[in-house]
PDB file of all heavy atoms in Angstrom:
ATOM      1  N   VAL A   1       8.717   1.883   8.843  1.00  0.00           N
ATOM      2  CA  VAL A   1      10.027   1.859   8.211  1.00  0.00           C
ATOM      3  C   VAL A   1      10.851   2.823   8.995  1.00  0.00           C
ATOM      4  O   VAL A   1      12.072   2.574   9.191  1.00  0.00           O
ATOM      5  CB  VAL A   1      10.046   2.109   6.643  1.00  0.00           C
ATOM      6  CG1 VAL A   1      11.363   2.366   6.158  1.00  0.00           C
ATOM      7  CG2 VAL A   1       9.241   0.931   5.907  1.00  0.00           C
ATOM      8  N   LEU A   2      10.424   4.011   9.147  1.00  0.00           N
ATOM      9  CA  LEU A   2      11.224   5.024   9.924  1.00  0.00           C
ATOM     10  C   LEU A   2      11.518   4.538  11.336  1.00  0.00           C
ATOM     11  O   LEU A   2      12.693   4.725  11.715  1.00  0.00           O
ATOM     12  CB  LEU A   2      10.490   6.378   9.962  1.00  0.00           C
ATOM     13  CG  LEU A   2      10.309   7.082   8.672  1.00  0.00           C
ATOM     14  CD1 LEU A   2       9.404   8.298   8.835  1.00  0.00           C
ATOM     15  CD2 LEU A   2      11.685   7.405   8.030  1.00  0.00           C
ATOM     16  N   LEU A   3      10.608   3.924  12.003  1.00  0.00           N
ATOM     17  CA  LEU A   3      10.989   3.383  13.235  1.00  0.00           C
ATOM     18  C   LEU A   3      11.970   2.246  13.213  1.00  0.00           C
ATOM     19  O   LEU A   3      12.851   2.140  14.060  1.00  0.00           O
ATOM     20  CB  LEU A   3       9.623   2.830  13.987  1.00  0.00           C
ATOM     21  CG  LEU A   3       8.760   3.938  14.454  1.00  0.00           C
ATOM     22  CD1 LEU A   3       7.337   3.335  14.919  1.00  0.00           C
ATOM     23  CD2 LEU A   3       9.330   4.778  15.639  1.00  0.00           C
ATOM     24  N   GLU A   4      11.782   1.394  12.110  1.00  0.00           N
ATOM     25  CA  GLU A   4      12.821   0.299  11.998  1.00  0.00           C
ATOM     26  C   GLU A   4      14.212   0.859  11.824  1.00  0.00           C
ATOM     27  O   GLU A   4      15.151   0.476  12.475  1.00  0.00           O
ATOM     28  CB  GLU A   4      12.536  -0.474  10.753  1.00  0.00           C
ATOM     29  CG  GLU A   4      11.480  -1.579  10.899  1.00  0.00           C
ATOM     30  CD  GLU A   4      11.421  -2.412   9.633  1.00  0.00           C
ATOM     31  OE1 GLU A   4      11.510  -1.759   8.485  1.00  0.00           O
ATOM     32  OE2 GLU A   4      11.288  -3.638   9.730  1.00  0.00           O
ATOM     33  N   GLN A   5      14.324   1.889  11.001  1.00  0.00           N
ATOM     34  CA  GLN A   5      15.579   2.559  10.728  1.00  0.00           C
ATOM     35  C   GLN A   5      16.208   3.363  11.915  1.00  0.00           C
ATOM     36  O   GLN A   5      17.316   3.242  12.145  1.00  0.00           O
ATOM     37  CB  GLN A   5      15.606   3.360   9.458  1.00  0.00           C
ATOM     38  CG  GLN A   5      15.185   2.656   8.187  1.00  0.00           C
ATOM     39  CD  GLN A   5      16.195   1.583   7.955  1.00  0.00           C
ATOM     40  OE1 GLN A   5      17.401   1.759   8.057  1.00  0.00           O
ATOM     41  NE2 GLN A   5      15.645   0.408   7.517  1.00  0.00           N
ATOM     42  N   THR A   6      15.294   3.972  12.585  1.00  0.00           N
ATOM     43  CA  THR A   6      15.762   4.764  13.765  1.00  0.00           C
ATOM     44  C   THR A   6      16.202   3.922  14.927  1.00  0.00           C
ATOM     45  O   THR A   6      17.154   4.210  15.554  1.00  0.00           O
ATOM     46  CB  THR A   6      14.535   5.663  14.281  1.00  0.00           C
ATOM     47  OG1 THR A   6      14.148   6.532  13.192  1.00  0.00           O
ATOM     48  CG2 THR A   6      14.993   6.534  15.481  1.00  0.00           C
ATOM     49  N   PHE A   7      15.435   2.836  15.287  1.00  0.00           N
ATOM     50  CA  PHE A   7      15.754   2.067  16.488  1.00  0.00           C
ATOM     51  C   PHE A   7      16.427   0.697  16.214  1.00  0.00           C
ATOM     52  O   PHE A   7      16.719   0.028  17.034  1.00  0.00           O
ATOM     53  CB  PHE A   7      14.478   1.872  17.293  1.00  0.00           C
ATOM     54  CG  PHE A   7      13.882   3.174  17.752  1.00  0.00           C
ATOM     55  CD1 PHE A   7      12.696   3.612  17.237  1.00  0.00           C
ATOM     56  CD2 PHE A   7      14.530   3.879  18.787  1.00  0.00           C
ATOM     57  CE1 PHE A   7      12.214   4.853  17.738  1.00  0.00           C
ATOM     58  CE2 PHE A   7      14.013   5.065  19.189  1.00  0.00           C
ATOM     59  CZ  PHE A   7      12.894   5.513  18.758  1.00  0.00           C
ATOM     60  N   GLY A   8      16.590   0.380  14.868  1.00  0.00           N
ATOM     61  CA  GLY A   8      17.417  -0.767  14.549  1.00  0.00           C
ATOM     62  C   GLY A   8      16.607  -2.089  14.766  1.00  0.00           C
ATOM     63  O   GLY A   8      17.340  -3.124  14.831  1.00  0.00           O
ATOM     64  N   PHE A   9      15.360  -2.010  14.861  1.00  0.00           N
ATOM     65  CA  PHE A   9      14.645  -3.313  14.940  1.00  0.00           C
ATOM     66  C   PHE A   9      14.094  -3.556  13.574  1.00  0.00           C
ATOM     67  O   PHE A   9      13.580  -2.669  12.929  1.00  0.00           O
ATOM     68  CB  PHE A   9      13.466  -3.303  16.074  1.00  0.00           C
ATOM     69  CG  PHE A   9      12.384  -2.525  15.583  1.00  0.00           C
ATOM     70  CD1 PHE A   9      11.221  -3.119  15.062  1.00  0.00           C
ATOM     71  CD2 PHE A   9      12.333  -1.101  15.901  1.00  0.00           C
ATOM     72  CE1 PHE A   9      10.075  -2.400  14.685  1.00  0.00           C
ATOM     73  CE2 PHE A   9      11.102  -0.374  15.512  1.00  0.00           C
ATOM     74  CZ  PHE A   9      10.093  -1.023  14.941  1.00  0.00           C
ATOM     75  N   TYR A  10      14.160  -4.817  13.147  1.00  0.00           N
ATOM     76  CA  TYR A  10      13.647  -5.164  11.780  1.00  0.00           C
ATOM     77  C   TYR A  10      12.672  -6.229  11.892  1.00  0.00           C
ATOM     78  O   TYR A  10      12.939  -7.331  12.391  1.00  0.00           O
ATOM     79  CB  TYR A  10      14.878  -5.506  10.831  1.00  0.00           C
ATOM     80  CG  TYR A  10      15.829  -4.305  10.765  1.00  0.00           C
ATOM     81  CD1 TYR A  10      16.991  -4.212  11.513  1.00  0.00           C
ATOM     82  CD2 TYR A  10      15.530  -3.255   9.956  1.00  0.00           C
ATOM     83  CE1 TYR A  10      17.807  -3.127  11.478  1.00  0.00           C
ATOM     84  CE2 TYR A  10      16.299  -2.070   9.883  1.00  0.00           C
ATOM     85  CZ  TYR A  10      17.528  -2.055  10.596  1.00  0.00           C
ATOM     86  OH  TYR A  10      18.315  -1.037  10.527  1.00  0.00           O
ATOM     87  N   GLN A  11      11.504  -6.046  11.461  1.00  0.00           N
ATOM     88  CA  GLN A  11      10.439  -6.980  11.399  1.00  0.00           C
ATOM     89  C   GLN A  11      10.026  -7.283   9.973  1.00  0.00           C
ATOM     90  O   GLN A  11       9.052  -6.673   9.457  1.00  0.00           O
ATOM     91  CB  GLN A  11       9.275  -6.440  12.213  1.00  0.00           C
ATOM     92  CG  GLN A  11       9.553  -6.134  13.751  1.00  0.00           C
ATOM     93  CD  GLN A  11       9.937  -7.481  14.425  1.00  0.00           C
ATOM     94  OE1 GLN A  11       9.252  -8.428  14.247  1.00  0.00           O
ATOM     95  NE2 GLN A  11      10.899  -7.336  15.256  1.00  0.00           N
ATOM     96  N   ASP A  12      10.772  -8.086   9.306  1.00  0.00           N
ATOM     97  CA  ASP A  12      10.444  -8.311   7.888  1.00  0.00           C
ATOM     98  C   ASP A  12       9.062  -8.838   7.626  1.00  0.00           C
ATOM     99  O   ASP A  12       8.486  -8.332   6.616  1.00  0.00           O
ATOM    100  CB  ASP A  12      11.437  -9.395   7.317  1.00  0.00           C
ATOM    101  CG  ASP A  12      12.941  -8.942   7.338  1.00  0.00           C
ATOM    102  OD1 ASP A  12      13.112  -7.714   7.325  1.00  0.00           O
ATOM    103  OD2 ASP A  12      13.843  -9.741   7.457  1.00  0.00           O
ATOM    104  N   GLY A  13       8.526  -9.636   8.386  1.00  0.00           N
ATOM    105  CA  GLY A  13       7.141 -10.087   8.190  1.00  0.00           C
ATOM    106  C   GLY A  13       6.088  -8.953   8.274  1.00  0.00           C
ATOM    107  O   GLY A  13       5.255  -8.848   7.402  1.00  0.00           O
ATOM    108  N   ALA A  14       6.248  -8.144   9.288  1.00  0.00           N
ATOM    109  CA  ALA A  14       5.284  -7.072   9.469  1.00  0.00           C
ATOM    110  C   ALA A  14       5.462  -6.040   8.291  1.00  0.00           C
ATOM    111  O   ALA A  14       4.519  -5.625   7.766  1.00  0.00           O
ATOM    112  CB  ALA A  14       5.562  -6.319  10.744  1.00  0.00           C
ATOM    113  N   ARG A  15       6.726  -5.769   7.944  1.00  0.00           N
ATOM    114  CA  ARG A  15       6.951  -4.773   6.767  1.00  0.00           C
ATOM    115  C   ARG A  15       6.365  -5.422   5.541  1.00  0.00           C
ATOM    116  O   ARG A  15       5.768  -4.692   4.737  1.00  0.00           O
ATOM    117  CB  ARG A  15       8.432  -4.502   6.678  1.00  0.00           C
ATOM    118  CG  ARG A  15       8.664  -3.391   5.554  1.00  0.00           C
ATOM    119  CD  ARG A  15      10.072  -2.993   5.426  1.00  0.00           C
ATOM    120  NE  ARG A  15      11.116  -3.471   6.358  1.00  0.00           N
ATOM    121  CZ  ARG A  15      11.854  -4.548   6.136  1.00  0.00           C
ATOM    122  NH1 ARG A  15      11.732  -5.246   4.977  1.00  0.00           N
ATOM    123  NH2 ARG A  15      12.795  -4.850   7.048  1.00  0.00           N
ATOM    124  N   LEU A  16       6.609  -6.775   5.261  1.00  0.00           N
ATOM    125  CA  LEU A  16       6.086  -7.341   4.085  1.00  0.00           C
ATOM    126  C   LEU A  16       4.582  -7.333   3.982  1.00  0.00           C
ATOM    127  O   LEU A  16       3.992  -7.031   2.974  1.00  0.00           O
ATOM    128  CB  LEU A  16       6.574  -8.772   3.968  1.00  0.00           C
ATOM    129  CG  LEU A  16       6.068  -9.617   2.878  1.00  0.00           C
ATOM    130  CD1 LEU A  16       6.582  -9.028   1.416  1.00  0.00           C
ATOM    131  CD2 LEU A  16       6.565 -11.093   2.848  1.00  0.00           C
ATOM    132  N   LEU A  17       3.963  -7.517   5.142  1.00  0.00           N
ATOM    133  CA  LEU A  17       2.484  -7.516   5.266  1.00  0.00           C
ATOM    134  C   LEU A  17       1.977  -6.018   4.830  1.00  0.00           C
ATOM    135  O   LEU A  17       1.099  -6.014   4.103  1.00  0.00           O
ATOM    136  CB  LEU A  17       2.054  -7.861   6.607  1.00  0.00           C
ATOM    137  CG  LEU A  17       0.535  -7.936   6.805  1.00  0.00           C
ATOM    138  CD1 LEU A  17      -0.060  -9.050   5.949  1.00  0.00           C
ATOM    139  CD2 LEU A  17       0.240  -8.271   8.208  1.00  0.00           C
ATOM    140  N   LEU A  18       2.590  -5.092   5.351  1.00  0.00           N
ATOM    141  CA  LEU A  18       2.266  -3.731   5.044  1.00  0.00           C
ATOM    142  C   LEU A  18       2.508  -3.355   3.565  1.00  0.00           C
ATOM    143  O   LEU A  18       1.699  -2.707   2.926  1.00  0.00           O
ATOM    144  CB  LEU A  18       2.971  -2.714   5.985  1.00  0.00           C
ATOM    145  CG  LEU A  18       2.521  -2.639   7.404  1.00  0.00           C
ATOM    146  CD1 LEU A  18       3.527  -1.864   8.276  1.00  0.00           C
ATOM    147  CD2 LEU A  18       1.237  -1.913   7.413  1.00  0.00           C
ATOM    148  N   VAL A  19       3.610  -3.807   3.017  1.00  0.00           N
ATOM    149  CA  VAL A  19       4.003  -3.551   1.614  1.00  0.00           C
ATOM    150  C   VAL A  19       2.933  -4.272   0.738  1.00  0.00           C
ATOM    151  O   VAL A  19       2.405  -3.642  -0.223  1.00  0.00           O
ATOM    152  CB  VAL A  19       5.335  -4.070   1.297  1.00  0.00           C
ATOM    153  CG1 VAL A  19       5.664  -4.125  -0.173  1.00  0.00           C
ATOM    154  CG2 VAL A  19       6.398  -3.165   1.953  1.00  0.00           C
ATOM    155  N   VAL A  20       2.630  -5.515   1.054  1.00  0.00           N
ATOM    156  CA  VAL A  20       1.520  -6.174   0.229  1.00  0.00           C
ATOM    157  C   VAL A  20       0.208  -5.514   0.327  1.00  0.00           C
ATOM    158  O   VAL A  20      -0.499  -5.292  -0.592  1.00  0.00           O
ATOM    159  CB  VAL A  20       1.464  -7.666   0.692  1.00  0.00           C
ATOM    160  CG1 VAL A  20       0.267  -8.325   0.080  1.00  0.00           C
ATOM    161  CG2 VAL A  20       2.795  -8.447   0.286  1.00  0.00           C
ATOM    162  N   GLY A  21      -0.154  -5.104   1.557  1.00  0.00           N
ATOM    163  CA  GLY A  21      -1.435  -4.368   1.738  1.00  0.00           C
ATOM    164  C   GLY A  21      -1.473  -3.025   0.943  1.00  0.00           C
ATOM    165  O   GLY A  21      -2.474  -2.816   0.275  1.00  0.00           O
ATOM    166  N   VAL A  22      -0.362  -2.360   1.072  1.00  0.00           N
ATOM    167  CA  VAL A  22      -0.408  -1.008   0.335  1.00  0.00           C
ATOM    168  C   VAL A  22      -0.404  -1.215  -1.194  1.00  0.00           C
ATOM    169  O   VAL A  22      -1.092  -0.538  -1.888  1.00  0.00           O
ATOM    170  CB  VAL A  22       0.859  -0.180   0.752  1.00  0.00           C
ATOM    171  CG1 VAL A  22       1.046   0.999  -0.120  1.00  0.00           C
ATOM    172  CG2 VAL A  22       0.753   0.313   2.155  1.00  0.00           C
ATOM    173  N   THR A  23       0.364  -2.183  -1.607  1.00  0.00           N
ATOM    174  CA  THR A  23       0.337  -2.567  -3.046  1.00  0.00           C
ATOM    175  C   THR A  23      -0.951  -2.971  -3.596  1.00  0.00           C
ATOM    176  O   THR A  23      -1.546  -2.441  -4.508  1.00  0.00           O
ATOM    177  CB  THR A  23       1.356  -3.741  -3.339  1.00  0.00           C
ATOM    178  OG1 THR A  23       2.638  -3.273  -2.919  1.00  0.00           O
ATOM    179  CG2 THR A  23       1.398  -4.018  -4.829  1.00  0.00           C
ATOM    180  N   GLY A  24      -1.624  -3.942  -2.798  1.00  0.00           N
ATOM    181  CA  GLY A  24      -2.985  -4.425  -3.242  1.00  0.00           C
ATOM    182  C   GLY A  24      -3.994  -3.191  -3.196  1.00  0.00           C
ATOM    183  O   GLY A  24      -4.756  -3.063  -4.205  1.00  0.00           O
ATOM    184  N   LEU A  25      -3.964  -2.452  -2.169  1.00  0.00           N
ATOM    185  CA  LEU A  25      -5.043  -1.418  -2.036  1.00  0.00           C
ATOM    186  C   LEU A  25      -4.733  -0.210  -3.021  1.00  0.00           C
ATOM    187  O   LEU A  25      -5.705   0.393  -3.493  1.00  0.00           O
ATOM    188  CB  LEU A  25      -5.102  -0.814  -0.571  1.00  0.00           C
ATOM    189  CG  LEU A  25      -5.866  -1.644   0.364  1.00  0.00           C
ATOM    190  CD1 LEU A  25      -5.722  -1.245   1.803  1.00  0.00           C
ATOM    191  CD2 LEU A  25      -7.394  -1.625  -0.005  1.00  0.00           C
ATOM    192  N   THR A  26      -3.499  -0.036  -3.315  1.00  0.00           N
ATOM    193  CA  THR A  26      -3.136   1.099  -4.362  1.00  0.00           C
ATOM    194  C   THR A  26      -3.603   0.656  -5.748  1.00  0.00           C
ATOM    195  O   THR A  26      -4.251   1.399  -6.459  1.00  0.00           O
ATOM    196  CB  THR A  26      -1.617   1.315  -4.305  1.00  0.00           C
ATOM    197  OG1 THR A  26      -1.156   1.731  -3.054  1.00  0.00           O
ATOM    198  CG2 THR A  26      -1.249   2.302  -5.434  1.00  0.00           C
ATOM    199  N   LEU A  27      -3.456  -0.665  -6.055  1.00  0.00           N
ATOM    200  CA  LEU A  27      -3.888  -1.183  -7.299  1.00  0.00           C
ATOM    201  C   LEU A  27      -5.487  -1.138  -7.346  1.00  0.00           C
ATOM    202  O   LEU A  27      -6.145  -0.688  -8.407  1.00  0.00           O
ATOM    203  CB  LEU A  27      -3.411  -2.575  -7.565  1.00  0.00           C
ATOM    204  CG  LEU A  27      -1.983  -2.677  -7.849  1.00  0.00           C
ATOM    205  CD1 LEU A  27      -1.467  -4.070  -7.914  1.00  0.00           C
ATOM    206  CD2 LEU A  27      -1.590  -2.037  -9.233  1.00  0.00           C
ATOM    207  N   LEU A  28      -6.061  -1.616  -6.300  1.00  0.00           N
ATOM    208  CA  LEU A  28      -7.589  -1.596  -6.211  1.00  0.00           C
ATOM    209  C   LEU A  28      -8.181  -0.217  -6.376  1.00  0.00           C
ATOM    210  O   LEU A  28      -9.054   0.032  -7.146  1.00  0.00           O
ATOM    211  CB  LEU A  28      -8.024  -2.298  -4.878  1.00  0.00           C
ATOM    212  CG  LEU A  28      -9.554  -2.267  -4.631  1.00  0.00           C
ATOM    213  CD1 LEU A  28     -10.263  -3.093  -5.617  1.00  0.00           C
ATOM    214  CD2 LEU A  28      -9.902  -2.646  -3.221  1.00  0.00           C
ATOM    215  N   THR A  29      -7.662   0.719  -5.449  1.00  0.00           N
ATOM    216  CA  THR A  29      -8.234   2.044  -5.561  1.00  0.00           C
ATOM    217  C   THR A  29      -7.954   2.789  -6.939  1.00  0.00           C
ATOM    218  O   THR A  29      -8.802   3.569  -7.360  1.00  0.00           O
ATOM    219  CB  THR A  29      -7.750   2.868  -4.326  1.00  0.00           C
ATOM    220  OG1 THR A  29      -6.285   2.917  -4.376  1.00  0.00           O
ATOM    221  CG2 THR A  29      -8.256   2.258  -3.057  1.00  0.00           C
ATOM    222  N   ALA A  30      -6.758   2.567  -7.493  1.00  0.00           N
ATOM    223  CA  ALA A  30      -6.487   3.028  -8.765  1.00  0.00           C
ATOM    224  C   ALA A  30      -7.582   2.582  -9.826  1.00  0.00           C
ATOM    225  O   ALA A  30      -8.206   3.413 -10.601  1.00  0.00           O
ATOM    226  CB  ALA A  30      -5.121   2.719  -9.310  1.00  0.00           C
ATOM    227  N   ALA A  31      -7.895   1.293  -9.838  1.00  0.00           N
ATOM    228  CA  ALA A  31      -8.890   0.686 -10.674  1.00  0.00           C
ATOM    229  C   ALA A  31     -10.332   1.345 -10.310  1.00  0.00           C
ATOM    230  O   ALA A  31     -11.098   1.717 -11.217  1.00  0.00           O
ATOM    231  CB  ALA A  31      -8.958  -0.737 -10.519  1.00  0.00           C
ATOM    232  N   GLN A  32     -10.574   1.516  -9.050  1.00  0.00           N
ATOM    233  CA  GLN A  32     -11.918   2.096  -8.689  1.00  0.00           C
ATOM    234  C   GLN A  32     -11.987   3.554  -9.194  1.00  0.00           C
ATOM    235  O   GLN A  32     -13.051   3.912  -9.754  1.00  0.00           O
ATOM    236  CB  GLN A  32     -12.044   2.025  -7.173  1.00  0.00           C
ATOM    237  CG  GLN A  32     -12.345   0.716  -6.515  1.00  0.00           C
ATOM    238  CD  GLN A  32     -12.292   0.768  -5.030  1.00  0.00           C
ATOM    239  OE1 GLN A  32     -11.707   1.625  -4.410  1.00  0.00           O
ATOM    240  NE2 GLN A  32     -13.189  -0.066  -4.448  1.00  0.00           N
ATOM    241  N   TYR A  33     -10.950   4.281  -9.034  1.00  0.00           N
ATOM    242  CA  TYR A  33     -11.073   5.762  -9.511  1.00  0.00           C
ATOM    243  C   TYR A  33     -11.124   5.835 -10.989  1.00  0.00           C
ATOM    244  O   TYR A  33     -11.749   6.690 -11.523  1.00  0.00           O
ATOM    245  CB  TYR A  33      -9.934   6.599  -8.881  1.00  0.00           C
ATOM    246  CG  TYR A  33     -10.170   6.881  -7.355  1.00  0.00           C
ATOM    247  CD1 TYR A  33      -9.270   6.517  -6.462  1.00  0.00           C
ATOM    248  CD2 TYR A  33     -11.355   7.593  -7.057  1.00  0.00           C
ATOM    249  CE1 TYR A  33      -9.471   6.823  -5.136  1.00  0.00           C
ATOM    250  CE2 TYR A  33     -11.546   7.848  -5.740  1.00  0.00           C
ATOM    251  CZ  TYR A  33     -10.607   7.434  -4.714  1.00  0.00           C
ATOM    252  OH  TYR A  33     -10.869   7.814  -3.387  1.00  0.00           O
ATOM    253  N   ILE A  34     -10.411   4.963 -11.739  1.00  0.00           N
ATOM    254  CA  ILE A  34     -10.449   4.963 -13.151  1.00  0.00           C
ATOM    255  C   ILE A  34     -11.931   4.628 -13.545  1.00  0.00           C
ATOM    256  O   ILE A  34     -12.497   5.300 -14.458  1.00  0.00           O
ATOM    257  CB  ILE A  34      -9.378   4.056 -13.740  1.00  0.00           C
ATOM    258  CG1 ILE A  34      -7.978   4.612 -13.584  1.00  0.00           C
ATOM    259  CG2 ILE A  34      -9.723   3.834 -15.221  1.00  0.00           C
ATOM    260  CD1 ILE A  34      -6.855   3.667 -13.883  1.00  0.00           C
ATOM    261  N   THR A  35     -12.518   3.639 -12.901  1.00  0.00           N
ATOM    262  CA  THR A  35     -13.794   3.169 -13.331  1.00  0.00           C
ATOM    263  C   THR A  35     -14.779   4.263 -13.001  1.00  0.00           C
ATOM    264  O   THR A  35     -15.715   4.537 -13.773  1.00  0.00           O
ATOM    265  CB  THR A  35     -14.185   1.959 -12.499  1.00  0.00           C
ATOM    266  OG1 THR A  35     -13.228   0.928 -12.817  1.00  0.00           O
ATOM    267  CG2 THR A  35     -15.645   1.432 -12.855  1.00  0.00           C
ATOM    268  N   ARG A  36     -14.711   4.927 -11.856  1.00  0.00           N
ATOM    269  CA  ARG A  36     -15.525   6.101 -11.479  1.00  0.00           C
ATOM    270  C   ARG A  36     -15.426   7.182 -12.562  1.00  0.00           C
ATOM    271  O   ARG A  36     -16.440   7.764 -12.969  1.00  0.00           O
ATOM    272  CB  ARG A  36     -15.259   6.617 -10.114  1.00  0.00           C
ATOM    273  CG  ARG A  36     -15.723   5.706  -8.975  1.00  0.00           C
ATOM    274  CD  ARG A  36     -15.400   6.485  -7.800  1.00  0.00           C
ATOM    275  NE  ARG A  36     -15.837   5.682  -6.595  1.00  0.00           N
ATOM    276  CZ  ARG A  36     -15.787   6.223  -5.312  1.00  0.00           C
ATOM    277  NH1 ARG A  36     -15.278   7.384  -5.092  1.00  0.00           N
ATOM    278  NH2 ARG A  36     -16.341   5.472  -4.314  1.00  0.00           N
ATOM    279  N   GLY A  37     -14.240   7.560 -12.887  1.00  0.00           N
ATOM    280  CA  GLY A  37     -13.989   8.590 -13.841  1.00  0.00           C
ATOM    281  C   GLY A  37     -14.615   8.295 -15.274  1.00  0.00           C
ATOM    282  O   GLY A  37     -15.216   9.208 -15.869  1.00  0.00           O
ATOM    283  N   MET A  38     -14.524   7.030 -15.682  1.00  0.00           N
ATOM    284  CA  MET A  38     -15.059   6.682 -16.979  1.00  0.00           C
ATOM    285  C   MET A  38     -16.591   6.731 -16.829  1.00  0.00           C
ATOM    286  O   MET A  38     -17.281   7.103 -17.868  1.00  0.00           O
ATOM    287  CB  MET A  38     -14.533   5.331 -17.327  1.00  0.00           C
ATOM    288  CG  MET A  38     -13.042   5.345 -17.621  1.00  0.00           C
ATOM    289  SD  MET A  38     -12.332   3.738 -18.040  1.00  0.00           S
ATOM    290  CE  MET A  38     -12.789   3.570 -19.784  1.00  0.00           C
ATOM    291  N   ALA A  39     -17.141   6.385 -15.763  1.00  0.00           N
ATOM    292  CA  ALA A  39     -18.596   6.402 -15.547  1.00  0.00           C
ATOM    293  C   ALA A  39     -19.023   7.891 -15.619  1.00  0.00           C
ATOM    294  O   ALA A  39     -20.092   8.133 -16.137  1.00  0.00           O
ATOM    295  CB  ALA A  39     -18.911   5.820 -14.254  1.00  0.00           C
ATOM    296  N   MET A  40     -18.276   8.824 -15.009  1.00  0.00           N
ATOM    297  CA  MET A  40     -18.644  10.178 -15.179  1.00  0.00           C
ATOM    298  C   MET A  40     -18.758  10.706 -16.604  1.00  0.00           C
ATOM    299  O   MET A  40     -19.577  11.427 -16.950  1.00  0.00           O
ATOM    300  CB  MET A  40     -17.686  11.050 -14.328  1.00  0.00           C
ATOM    301  CG  MET A  40     -17.838  10.858 -12.845  1.00  0.00           C
ATOM    302  SD  MET A  40     -16.523  12.039 -12.025  1.00  0.00           S
ATOM    303  CE  MET A  40     -17.095  11.939 -10.383  1.00  0.00           C
ATOM    304  N   VAL A  41     -17.774  10.263 -17.326  1.00  0.00           N
ATOM    305  CA  VAL A  41     -17.677  10.590 -18.741  1.00  0.00           C
ATOM    306  C   VAL A  41     -18.896   9.959 -19.499  1.00  0.00           C
ATOM    307  O   VAL A  41     -19.566  10.608 -20.245  1.00  0.00           O
ATOM    308  CB  VAL A  41     -16.378  10.085 -19.377  1.00  0.00           C
ATOM    309  CG1 VAL A  41     -16.440  10.346 -20.971  1.00  0.00           C
ATOM    310  CG2 VAL A  41     -15.244  10.927 -18.823  1.00  0.00           C
TER     311      VAL A  41
END
């Protein structure tokens, strides 16, 4: 995103792919850590 804004090139598809990847992995890892924490308890 910083490179897009700095150099004025916009790659909507690549940015969307990264946003979807980060969203999915953020949700997945949140669930994993919650599950791990509950198992510790």
